[in-house]
Amino acid sequence: MAVVIHRYDPPERFVAGTVGPPGQRTFFLQARAGNRVTSVALEKEQVAVLAERIGDLLDQIAEQTDLDTSATSDPVDAEPLEQPIVEEFRAGTMTLAWDGDDEVVAIEVFPVEETPDEPSAAAEDPPEELVEAPEVEELLLVRVPAATARGFVGRALAVVSAGRPACPFCGGPIDPDGHLCPRANGLRRTAQ
């Protein structure tokens, strides 16, 4: 089976964004080159971790080399996601690497692995040498310079923090109409 690789090397735009109101947002990674746009759905926590890891990677590269990775791409991208949004797949595993030869951050996003509904008929697991790596049908591969990666980090962290405010007592999200706080014996808390 042929693997579909959505390759952007480099993209004209690579951002994290959302669709929907706080509390009902769907998060996307989106890459664009010319008229070609790829949108991959993922969880809020995945966006936060990806941004954190890219930031850490850029900091490590700056410490180990003379490359300045603190600059961001100009101007800061605050535009909404490209429309229409067509979800290619839901993100599962993501990999992150630095290509020192080209001085780019390489990000691979693989789809969520589907687990079989029925348990395996085998009584015991096969030996490791017989276990095959799962095959993926498609993946997103984005290679961006350090300045673009730093810009991605800033926007992604802003998108993640733009959600519902956290309750100061239980840490749970507060909806616009408030929430029943378990730490306050069910007292309805509202955003201040």
C-alpha atoms as a PDB file:
ATOM      1  CA  MET A   1       0.000   0.000   0.000  1.00  0.00           C
ATOM      2  CA  ALA A   2       1.361   3.433  -0.933  1.00  0.00           C
ATOM      3  CA  VAL A   3       1.864   5.942   1.868  1.00  0.00           C
ATOM      4  CA  VAL A   4       0.521   9.444   1.265  1.00  0.00           C
ATOM      5  CA  ILE A   5       3.062  11.956   2.556  1.00  0.00           C
ATOM      6  CA  HIS A   6       1.842  15.527   2.930  1.00  0.00           C
ATOM      7  CA  ARG A   7       5.310  17.123   2.582  1.00  0.00           C
ATOM      8  CA  TYR A   8       5.999  20.808   3.166  1.00  0.00           C
ATOM      9  CA  ASP A   9       9.685  21.647   2.786  1.00  0.00           C
ATOM     10  CA  PRO A  10       9.359  24.502   3.672  1.00  0.00           C
ATOM     11  CA  PRO A  11       5.722  25.565   3.947  1.00  0.00           C
ATOM     12  CA  GLU A  12       4.628  29.108   3.257  1.00  0.00           C
ATOM     13  CA  ARG A  13       2.619  28.850   6.471  1.00  0.00           C
ATOM     14  CA  PHE A  14       2.670  26.386   9.390  1.00  0.00           C
ATOM     15  CA  VAL A  15       0.392  27.136  12.345  1.00  0.00           C
ATOM     16  CA  ALA A  16      -1.715  25.700  15.127  1.00  0.00           C
ATOM     17  CA  GLY A  17      -5.260  27.019  15.345  1.00  0.00           C
ATOM     18  CA  THR A  18      -8.760  26.257  16.502  1.00  0.00           C
ATOM     19  CA  VAL A  19     -12.334  26.209  15.303  1.00  0.00           C
ATOM     20  CA  GLY A  20     -15.245  26.762  17.691  1.00  0.00           C
ATOM     21  CA  PRO A  21     -15.897  28.594  20.953  1.00  0.00           C
ATOM     22  CA  PRO A  22     -13.813  27.950  24.113  1.00  0.00           C
ATOM     23  CA  GLY A  23     -14.835  24.662  25.667  1.00  0.00           C
ATOM     24  CA  GLN A  24     -15.864  23.259  22.282  1.00  0.00           C
ATOM     25  CA  ARG A  25     -12.747  24.034  20.264  1.00  0.00           C
ATOM     26  CA  THR A  26     -11.224  21.633  17.786  1.00  0.00           C
ATOM     27  CA  PHE A  27      -7.455  22.061  17.410  1.00  0.00           C
ATOM     28  CA  PHE A  28      -5.626  21.766  14.092  1.00  0.00           C
ATOM     29  CA  LEU A  29      -2.119  21.855  12.712  1.00  0.00           C
ATOM     30  CA  GLN A  30      -2.226  23.426   9.286  1.00  0.00           C
ATOM     31  CA  ALA A  31       0.455  23.691   6.602  1.00  0.00           C
ATOM     32  CA  ARG A  32       0.137  25.579   3.317  1.00  0.00           C
ATOM     33  CA  ALA A  33       2.243  25.884   0.180  1.00  0.00           C
ATOM     34  CA  GLY A  34       0.601  27.664  -2.743  1.00  0.00           C
ATOM     35  CA  ASN A  35      -2.944  26.364  -3.167  1.00  0.00           C
ATOM     36  CA  ARG A  36      -2.217  23.145  -1.260  1.00  0.00           C
ATOM     37  CA  VAL A  37      -3.386  23.074   2.384  1.00  0.00           C
ATOM     38  CA  THR A  38      -3.197  20.168   4.838  1.00  0.00           C
ATOM     39  CA  SER A  39      -5.123  20.247   8.127  1.00  0.00           C
ATOM     40  CA  VAL A  40      -4.586  17.647  10.860  1.00  0.00           C
ATOM     41  CA  ALA A  41      -6.825  17.518  13.952  1.00  0.00           C
ATOM     42  CA  LEU A  42      -5.236  16.985  17.343  1.00  0.00           C
ATOM     43  CA  GLU A  43      -5.817  17.481  21.059  1.00  0.00           C
ATOM     44  CA  LYS A  44      -5.088  20.672  22.975  1.00  0.00           C
ATOM     45  CA  GLU A  45      -2.478  18.849  25.044  1.00  0.00           C
ATOM     46  CA  GLN A  46      -0.708  17.693  21.875  1.00  0.00           C
ATOM     47  CA  VAL A  47      -0.442  21.301  20.655  1.00  0.00           C
ATOM     48  CA  ALA A  48       0.966  22.399  24.033  1.00  0.00           C
ATOM     49  CA  VAL A  49       3.514  19.569  24.179  1.00  0.00           C
ATOM     50  CA  LEU A  50       4.600  20.062  20.550  1.00  0.00           C
ATOM     51  CA  ALA A  51       5.150  23.790  21.152  1.00  0.00           C
ATOM     52  CA  GLU A  52       7.056  23.100  24.369  1.00  0.00           C
ATOM     53  CA  ARG A  53       9.281  20.468  22.728  1.00  0.00           C
ATOM     54  CA  ILE A  54      10.041  22.673  19.707  1.00  0.00           C
ATOM     55  CA  GLY A  55      10.980  25.516  22.071  1.00  0.00           C
ATOM     56  CA  ASP A  56      13.241  23.187  24.079  1.00  0.00           C
ATOM     57  CA  LEU A  57      14.855  21.866  20.887  1.00  0.00           C
ATOM     58  CA  LEU A  58      15.569  25.388  19.623  1.00  0.00           C
ATOM     59  CA  ASP A  59      17.058  26.331  23.005  1.00  0.00           C
ATOM     60  CA  GLN A  60      19.346  23.261  22.908  1.00  0.00           C
ATOM     61  CA  ILE A  61      20.468  24.052  19.359  1.00  0.00           C
ATOM     62  CA  ALA A  62      21.319  27.637  20.405  1.00  0.00           C
ATOM     63  CA  GLU A  63      23.403  26.321  23.338  1.00  0.00           C
ATOM     64  CA  GLN A  64      25.298  23.766  21.230  1.00  0.00           C
ATOM     65  CA  THR A  65      25.885  25.885  18.113  1.00  0.00           C
ATOM     66  CA  ASP A  66      26.396  29.513  17.188  1.00  0.00           C
ATOM     67  CA  LEU A  67      22.993  29.574  15.465  1.00  0.00           C
ATOM     68  CA  ASP A  68      20.567  32.217  16.800  1.00  0.00           C
ATOM     69  CA  THR A  69      17.257  30.403  17.281  1.00  0.00           C
ATOM     70  CA  SER A  70      15.595  33.116  19.371  1.00  0.00           C
ATOM     71  CA  ALA A  71      14.323  35.206  16.441  1.00  0.00           C
ATOM     72  CA  THR A  72      10.800  34.614  15.168  1.00  0.00           C
ATOM     73  CA  SER A  73       9.505  34.943  11.646  1.00  0.00           C
ATOM     74  CA  ASP A  74       8.049  38.372  10.888  1.00  0.00           C
ATOM     75  CA  PRO A  75       5.288  39.351  11.071  1.00  0.00           C
ATOM     76  CA  VAL A  76       3.653  37.249  13.785  1.00  0.00           C
ATOM     77  CA  ASP A  77       0.911  35.144  12.177  1.00  0.00           C
ATOM     78  CA  ALA A  78      -2.377  35.948  13.907  1.00  0.00           C
ATOM     79  CA  GLU A  79      -4.621  35.106  10.948  1.00  0.00           C
ATOM     80  CA  PRO A  80      -7.346  32.435  11.219  1.00  0.00           C
ATOM     81  CA  LEU A  81      -6.895  28.982   9.751  1.00  0.00           C
ATOM     82  CA  GLU A  82      -7.236  28.615   5.981  1.00  0.00           C
ATOM     83  CA  GLN A  83     -10.801  27.799   4.926  1.00  0.00           C
ATOM     84  CA  PRO A  84     -12.361  25.389   4.189  1.00  0.00           C
ATOM     85  CA  ILE A  85     -10.804  23.120   6.795  1.00  0.00           C
ATOM     86  CA  VAL A  86     -10.690  19.540   5.570  1.00  0.00           C
ATOM     87  CA  GLU A  87      -9.349  17.183   8.238  1.00  0.00           C
ATOM     88  CA  GLU A  88      -6.871  14.778   6.609  1.00  0.00           C
ATOM     89  CA  PHE A  89      -6.534  12.662   9.762  1.00  0.00           C
ATOM     90  CA  ARG A  90      -6.377  12.866  13.562  1.00  0.00           C
ATOM     91  CA  ALA A  91      -2.850  13.151  14.940  1.00  0.00           C
ATOM     92  CA  GLY A  92      -1.379  10.371  17.028  1.00  0.00           C
ATOM     93  CA  THR A  93       2.376  10.023  17.334  1.00  0.00           C
ATOM     94  CA  MET A  94       4.567  13.005  16.447  1.00  0.00           C
ATOM     95  CA  THR A  95       8.323  13.091  15.964  1.00  0.00           C
ATOM     96  CA  LEU A  96      10.612  16.070  16.133  1.00  0.00           C
ATOM     97  CA  ALA A  97      14.199  16.389  14.889  1.00  0.00           C
ATOM     98  CA  TRP A  98      16.833  18.974  14.008  1.00  0.00           C
ATOM     99  CA  ASP A  99      18.462  18.690  10.572  1.00  0.00           C
ATOM    100  CA  GLY A 100      21.776  20.437  11.133  1.00  0.00           C
ATOM    101  CA  ASP A 101      22.799  20.250   7.471  1.00  0.00           C
ATOM    102  CA  ASP A 102      19.774  22.256   6.299  1.00  0.00           C
ATOM    103  CA  GLU A 103      19.261  24.040   9.654  1.00  0.00           C
ATOM    104  CA  VAL A 104      15.572  23.143   9.849  1.00  0.00           C
ATOM    105  CA  VAL A 105      13.229  21.586  12.385  1.00  0.00           C
ATOM    106  CA  ALA A 106      11.578  18.451  10.976  1.00  0.00           C
ATOM    107  CA  ILE A 107       8.151  17.533  12.337  1.00  0.00           C
ATOM    108  CA  GLU A 108       6.387  14.289  11.427  1.00  0.00           C
ATOM    109  CA  VAL A 109       2.767  13.766  12.407  1.00  0.00           C
ATOM    110  CA  PHE A 110       1.343  10.256  12.139  1.00  0.00           C
ATOM    111  CA  PRO A 111      -2.358   9.342  12.356  1.00  0.00           C
ATOM    112  CA  VAL A 112      -3.827   7.769  15.471  1.00  0.00           C
ATOM    113  CA  GLU A 113      -3.316   4.031  15.342  1.00  0.00           C
ATOM    114  CA  GLU A 114      -6.622   2.241  15.281  1.00  0.00           C
ATOM    115  CA  THR A 115      -6.868  -0.622  17.724  1.00  0.00           C
ATOM    116  CA  PRO A 116      -8.778  -3.731  16.749  1.00  0.00           C
ATOM    117  CA  ASP A 117     -12.191  -4.106  18.367  1.00  0.00           C
ATOM    118  CA  GLU A 118     -11.751  -7.817  18.962  1.00  0.00           C
ATOM    119  CA  PRO A 119      -8.967  -9.371  21.039  1.00  0.00           C
ATOM    120  CA  SER A 120      -6.336 -11.378  19.245  1.00  0.00           C
ATOM    121  CA  ALA A 121      -6.973 -15.091  18.884  1.00  0.00           C
ATOM    122  CA  ALA A 122      -3.345 -15.888  19.788  1.00  0.00           C
ATOM    123  CA  ALA A 123      -2.868 -17.149  23.318  1.00  0.00           C
ATOM    124  CA  GLU A 124       0.514 -15.479  23.685  1.00  0.00           C
ATOM    125  CA  ASP A 125       2.334 -12.571  22.096  1.00  0.00           C
ATOM    126  CA  PRO A 126       4.549 -13.409  19.117  1.00  0.00           C
ATOM    127  CA  PRO A 127       8.317 -13.138  19.557  1.00  0.00           C
ATOM    128  CA  GLU A 128       9.662  -9.619  19.030  1.00  0.00           C
ATOM    129  CA  GLU A 129      11.395 -10.520  15.767  1.00  0.00           C
ATOM    130  CA  LEU A 130       7.974 -11.383  14.285  1.00  0.00           C
ATOM    131  CA  VAL A 131       6.264  -8.158  15.346  1.00  0.00           C
ATOM    132  CA  GLU A 132       5.994  -5.780  12.416  1.00  0.00           C
ATOM    133  CA  ALA A 133       5.854  -2.020  12.694  1.00  0.00           C
ATOM    134  CA  PRO A 134       2.367  -0.711  12.039  1.00  0.00           C
ATOM    135  CA  GLU A 135       1.855   0.607   8.543  1.00  0.00           C
ATOM    136  CA  VAL A 136       0.581   4.126   8.167  1.00  0.00           C
ATOM    137  CA  GLU A 137      -1.493   5.237   5.227  1.00  0.00           C
ATOM    138  CA  GLU A 138      -0.497   8.895   5.430  1.00  0.00           C
ATOM    139  CA  LEU A 139       1.577  11.359   7.404  1.00  0.00           C
ATOM    140  CA  LEU A 140       2.338  15.061   7.571  1.00  0.00           C
ATOM    141  CA  LEU A 141       6.013  16.055   7.189  1.00  0.00           C
ATOM    142  CA  VAL A 142       6.919  19.699   7.764  1.00  0.00           C
ATOM    143  CA  ARG A 143      10.460  21.104   7.635  1.00  0.00           C
ATOM    144  CA  VAL A 144      10.775  24.701   8.840  1.00  0.00           C
ATOM    145  CA  PRO A 145      13.662  27.075   9.569  1.00  0.00           C
ATOM    146  CA  ALA A 146      14.312  28.014  13.201  1.00  0.00           C
ATOM    147  CA  ALA A 147      12.612  31.440  12.904  1.00  0.00           C
ATOM    148  CA  THR A 148       9.421  29.858  11.552  1.00  0.00           C
ATOM    149  CA  ALA A 149       9.534  27.184  14.277  1.00  0.00           C
ATOM    150  CA  ARG A 150       9.922  29.865  16.969  1.00  0.00           C
ATOM    151  CA  GLY A 151       6.943  31.723  15.488  1.00  0.00           C
ATOM    152  CA  PHE A 152       4.932  28.472  15.565  1.00  0.00           C
ATOM    153  CA  VAL A 153       5.750  28.076  19.276  1.00  0.00           C
ATOM    154  CA  GLY A 154       4.520  31.574  20.142  1.00  0.00           C
ATOM    155  CA  ARG A 155       1.264  31.206  18.268  1.00  0.00           C
ATOM    156  CA  ALA A 156       0.611  27.656  19.525  1.00  0.00           C
ATOM    157  CA  LEU A 157       1.065  28.680  23.166  1.00  0.00           C
ATOM    158  CA  ALA A 158      -1.250  31.668  22.645  1.00  0.00           C
ATOM    159  CA  VAL A 159      -3.897  29.420  21.054  1.00  0.00           C
ATOM    160  CA  VAL A 160      -3.712  26.944  23.942  1.00  0.00           C
ATOM    161  CA  SER A 161      -3.971  29.663  26.599  1.00  0.00           C
ATOM    162  CA  ALA A 162      -6.920  31.384  24.867  1.00  0.00           C
ATOM    163  CA  GLY A 163      -9.393  28.828  26.188  1.00  0.00           C
ATOM    164  CA  ARG A 164     -11.631  28.919  29.223  1.00  0.00           C
ATOM    165  CA  PRO A 165     -10.118  30.318  32.436  1.00  0.00           C
ATOM    166  CA  ALA A 166      -9.146  27.828  35.130  1.00  0.00           C
ATOM    167  CA  CYS A 167     -10.987  27.678  38.456  1.00  0.00           C
ATOM    168  CA  PRO A 168      -8.616  28.914  41.193  1.00  0.00           C
ATOM    169  CA  PHE A 169      -9.886  26.207  43.552  1.00  0.00           C
ATOM    170  CA  CYS A 170     -10.037  22.994  41.523  1.00  0.00           C
ATOM    171  CA  GLY A 171      -8.182  23.910  38.329  1.00  0.00           C
ATOM    172  CA  GLY A 172     -11.076  22.804  36.133  1.00  0.00           C
ATOM    173  CA  PRO A 173     -12.252  24.983  33.253  1.00  0.00           C
ATOM    174  CA  ILE A 174     -14.917  27.599  33.952  1.00  0.00           C
ATOM    175  CA  ASP A 175     -17.595  27.865  31.269  1.00  0.00           C
ATOM    176  CA  PRO A 176     -19.171  31.279  30.515  1.00  0.00           C
ATOM    177  CA  ASP A 177     -22.130  30.300  32.735  1.00  0.00           C
ATOM    178  CA  GLY A 178     -19.797  29.020  35.496  1.00  0.00           C
ATOM    179  CA  HIS A 179     -19.116  25.518  36.787  1.00  0.00           C
ATOM    180  CA  LEU A 180     -19.902  23.376  39.791  1.00  0.00           C
ATOM    181  CA  CYS A 181     -16.668  23.332  41.757  1.00  0.00           C
ATOM    182  CA  PRO A 182     -16.036  20.018  43.568  1.00  0.00           C
ATOM    183  CA  ARG A 183     -13.578  21.710  45.955  1.00  0.00           C
ATOM    184  CA  ALA A 184     -16.264  24.194  47.026  1.00  0.00           C
ATOM    185  CA  ASN A 185     -18.936  21.544  47.772  1.00  0.00           C
ATOM    186  CA  GLY A 186     -20.680  22.092  44.461  1.00  0.00           C
ATOM    187  CA  LEU A 187     -20.856  25.885  44.768  1.00  0.00           C
ATOM    188  CA  ARG A 188     -21.219  27.436  41.308  1.00  0.00           C
ATOM    189  CA  ARG A 189     -18.079  29.387  40.399  1.00  0.00           C
ATOM    190  CA  THR A 190     -17.995  31.972  37.630  1.00  0.00           C
ATOM    191  CA  ALA A 191     -15.116  33.552  35.746  1.00  0.00           C
ATOM    192  CA  GLN A 192     -14.072  36.830  37.377  1.00  0.00           C
END
